[in-house]
Each structure stands twice: as structure tokens, then as C-alpha cells.
Amino acid sequence: MKDRYDTLATEFNITKGSEFYQKLSTEIMEMLSMKLTMISLMDSMSDESFEPIPIKSSL
């Protein structure tokens, strides 16, 4: 992932090591961590324990 980020940063003229580069890198890693956490949590739930709650329409 880091190699891909570096490639994209180069394509968009983002200077490696700049404050913007570092901030964007941190935000990307945080988003990926959250996504992996959600995938892990959803994967650990069995199908019987999770059922959607129906939404009642007021129309």
C-alpha cells in the first residue's frame, strides 16, 4: 500500500516528506485501519446473531 501511495503522490506532484504528504499518509492509514476493523467485526458476527431492523415508512 505504501508503494502505491508513493506512486500516486509522485503522479500528483506531492513532495515526499512534505507536511501535506505526511498528513495525507496518516489519514489514509487511519481510514484503512478503520476499514479493516469493520471487516473484522462483521466477519466475527454469525449470520444468526445479526438481522437488519426494518424501517417503517410514515408515508
N, C-alpha and C. Protein backbone atom coordinates (compact mmCIF):
# COMPACT_ATOMS: atom_id res chain seq x y z
N MET A 1 0.83 -1.19 0.00
CA MET A 1 0.00 0.00 0.00
C MET A 1 0.87 1.26 0.00
N LYS A 2 1.94 1.20 0.75
CA LYS A 2 2.82 2.37 0.83
C LYS A 2 3.45 2.66 -0.53
N ASP A 3 3.82 1.62 -1.25
CA ASP A 3 4.40 1.82 -2.58
C ASP A 3 3.38 2.47 -3.52
N ARG A 4 2.13 2.02 -3.44
CA ARG A 4 1.08 2.59 -4.29
C ARG A 4 0.85 4.06 -3.93
N TYR A 5 0.84 4.37 -2.63
CA TYR A 5 0.67 5.76 -2.19
C TYR A 5 1.81 6.62 -2.72
N ASP A 6 3.03 6.11 -2.64
CA ASP A 6 4.19 6.87 -3.14
C ASP A 6 4.07 7.12 -4.64
N THR A 7 3.61 6.11 -5.38
CA THR A 7 3.42 6.27 -6.83
C THR A 7 2.39 7.35 -7.13
N LEU A 8 1.26 7.30 -6.43
CA LEU A 8 0.21 8.30 -6.64
C LEU A 8 0.69 9.69 -6.23
N ALA A 9 1.43 9.76 -5.15
CA ALA A 9 1.95 11.06 -4.70
C ALA A 9 2.85 11.66 -5.77
N THR A 10 3.67 10.83 -6.38
CA THR A 10 4.55 11.31 -7.46
C THR A 10 3.73 11.78 -8.66
N GLU A 11 2.70 11.00 -9.02
CA GLU A 11 1.86 11.37 -10.16
C GLU A 11 1.16 12.72 -9.95
N PHE A 12 0.80 13.02 -8.70
CA PHE A 12 0.09 14.27 -8.41
C PHE A 12 1.02 15.35 -7.85
N ASN A 13 2.31 15.17 -8.08
CA ASN A 13 3.33 16.16 -7.69
C ASN A 13 3.29 16.52 -6.20
N ILE A 14 3.08 15.52 -5.36
CA ILE A 14 3.14 15.73 -3.91
C ILE A 14 4.55 15.37 -3.46
N THR A 15 5.23 16.32 -2.88
CA THR A 15 6.62 16.12 -2.48
C THR A 15 6.71 15.15 -1.32
N LYS A 16 7.47 14.08 -1.53
CA LYS A 16 7.65 13.07 -0.49
C LYS A 16 8.38 13.71 0.70
N GLY A 17 7.83 13.51 1.88
CA GLY A 17 8.41 14.09 3.08
C GLY A 17 7.83 15.44 3.46
N SER A 18 6.99 16.01 2.58
CA SER A 18 6.38 17.29 2.92
C SER A 18 5.31 17.10 3.99
N GLU A 19 4.91 18.20 4.59
CA GLU A 19 3.87 18.14 5.63
C GLU A 19 2.56 17.58 5.06
N PHE A 20 2.21 18.01 3.84
CA PHE A 20 0.98 17.53 3.19
C PHE A 20 1.06 16.03 2.94
N TYR A 21 2.22 15.57 2.47
CA TYR A 21 2.44 14.15 2.21
C TYR A 21 2.26 13.34 3.49
N GLN A 22 2.87 13.79 4.57
CA GLN A 22 2.79 13.09 5.85
C GLN A 22 1.36 13.06 6.39
N LYS A 23 0.67 14.20 6.31
CA LYS A 23 -0.70 14.28 6.82
C LYS A 23 -1.62 13.36 6.03
N LEU A 24 -1.50 13.39 4.71
CA LEU A 24 -2.33 12.55 3.85
C LEU A 24 -2.04 11.07 4.09
N SER A 25 -0.77 10.74 4.26
CA SER A 25 -0.37 9.36 4.53
C SER A 25 -1.00 8.87 5.84
N THR A 26 -0.95 9.70 6.87
CA THR A 26 -1.54 9.34 8.17
C THR A 26 -3.04 9.13 8.05
N GLU A 27 -3.73 10.02 7.34
CA GLU A 27 -5.18 9.90 7.16
C GLU A 27 -5.54 8.63 6.40
N ILE A 28 -4.78 8.31 5.38
CA ILE A 28 -5.03 7.10 4.59
C ILE A 28 -4.86 5.86 5.46
N MET A 29 -3.80 5.81 6.25
CA MET A 29 -3.56 4.66 7.12
C MET A 29 -4.65 4.52 8.17
N GLU A 30 -5.15 5.64 8.71
CA GLU A 30 -6.23 5.59 9.69
C GLU A 30 -7.51 5.06 9.05
N MET A 31 -7.81 5.50 7.82
CA MET A 31 -9.01 5.02 7.14
C MET A 31 -8.91 3.53 6.84
N LEU A 32 -7.74 3.08 6.41
CA LEU A 32 -7.56 1.65 6.14
C LEU A 32 -7.69 0.83 7.42
N SER A 33 -7.17 1.35 8.52
CA SER A 33 -7.30 0.65 9.80
C SER A 33 -8.76 0.52 10.21
N MET A 34 -9.53 1.61 10.04
CA MET A 34 -10.95 1.55 10.37
C MET A 34 -11.68 0.56 9.49
N LYS A 35 -11.35 0.54 8.20
CA LYS A 35 -11.99 -0.38 7.27
C LYS A 35 -11.68 -1.83 7.65
N LEU A 36 -10.42 -2.11 7.97
CA LEU A 36 -10.05 -3.47 8.37
C LEU A 36 -10.73 -3.87 9.68
N THR A 37 -10.88 -2.92 10.60
CA THR A 37 -11.58 -3.20 11.85
C THR A 37 -13.03 -3.55 11.59
N MET A 38 -13.71 -2.79 10.72
CA MET A 38 -15.11 -3.07 10.39
C MET A 38 -15.25 -4.43 9.71
N ILE A 39 -14.35 -4.74 8.80
CA ILE A 39 -14.40 -6.03 8.12
C ILE A 39 -14.22 -7.16 9.13
N SER A 40 -13.28 -6.98 10.04
CA SER A 40 -13.03 -7.98 11.06
C SER A 40 -14.24 -8.16 11.98
N LEU A 41 -14.86 -7.05 12.39
CA LEU A 41 -16.04 -7.14 13.26
C LEU A 41 -17.21 -7.80 12.55
N MET A 42 -17.43 -7.45 11.30
CA MET A 42 -18.54 -8.04 10.54
C MET A 42 -18.28 -9.52 10.29
N ASP A 43 -17.03 -9.88 10.08
CA ASP A 43 -16.68 -11.27 9.83
C ASP A 43 -16.86 -12.13 11.08
N SER A 44 -16.67 -11.52 12.25
CA SER A 44 -16.78 -12.28 13.50
C SER A 44 -18.22 -12.50 13.94
N MET A 45 -19.16 -11.79 13.32
CA MET A 45 -20.57 -11.96 13.68
C MET A 45 -21.16 -13.13 12.90
N SER A 46 -21.87 -14.00 13.59
CA SER A 46 -22.51 -15.10 12.88
C SER A 46 -23.78 -14.59 12.21
N ASP A 47 -24.22 -15.27 11.19
CA ASP A 47 -25.39 -14.84 10.43
C ASP A 47 -26.66 -14.81 11.28
N GLU A 48 -26.77 -15.70 12.26
CA GLU A 48 -27.98 -15.74 13.08
C GLU A 48 -28.04 -14.59 14.08
N SER A 49 -26.91 -14.06 14.46
CA SER A 49 -26.91 -13.03 15.50
C SER A 49 -27.17 -11.62 14.96
N PHE A 50 -27.20 -11.49 13.66
CA PHE A 50 -27.38 -10.15 13.09
C PHE A 50 -28.51 -10.18 12.08
N GLU A 51 -29.56 -9.47 12.40
CA GLU A 51 -30.66 -9.33 11.45
C GLU A 51 -30.99 -7.85 11.35
N PRO A 52 -31.19 -7.36 10.14
CA PRO A 52 -31.50 -5.94 9.98
C PRO A 52 -32.83 -5.56 10.62
N ILE A 53 -32.91 -4.36 11.10
CA ILE A 53 -34.14 -3.84 11.69
C ILE A 53 -34.93 -3.16 10.58
N PRO A 54 -36.18 -3.56 10.38
CA PRO A 54 -36.96 -2.93 9.31
C PRO A 54 -37.23 -1.46 9.61
N ILE A 55 -37.26 -0.67 8.57
CA ILE A 55 -37.54 0.76 8.69
C ILE A 55 -38.99 0.98 8.31
N LYS A 56 -39.74 1.57 9.24
CA LYS A 56 -41.16 1.82 8.98
C LYS A 56 -41.30 3.17 8.29
N SER A 57 -42.04 3.17 7.23
CA SER A 57 -42.26 4.40 6.48
C SER A 57 -43.49 5.11 7.03
N SER A 58 -43.42 6.42 7.14
CA SER A 58 -44.56 7.19 7.66
C SER A 58 -45.44 7.70 6.53
N LEU A 59 -45.17 7.28 5.31
CA LEU A 59 -45.95 7.75 4.16
C LEU A 59 -47.26 7.05 4.04
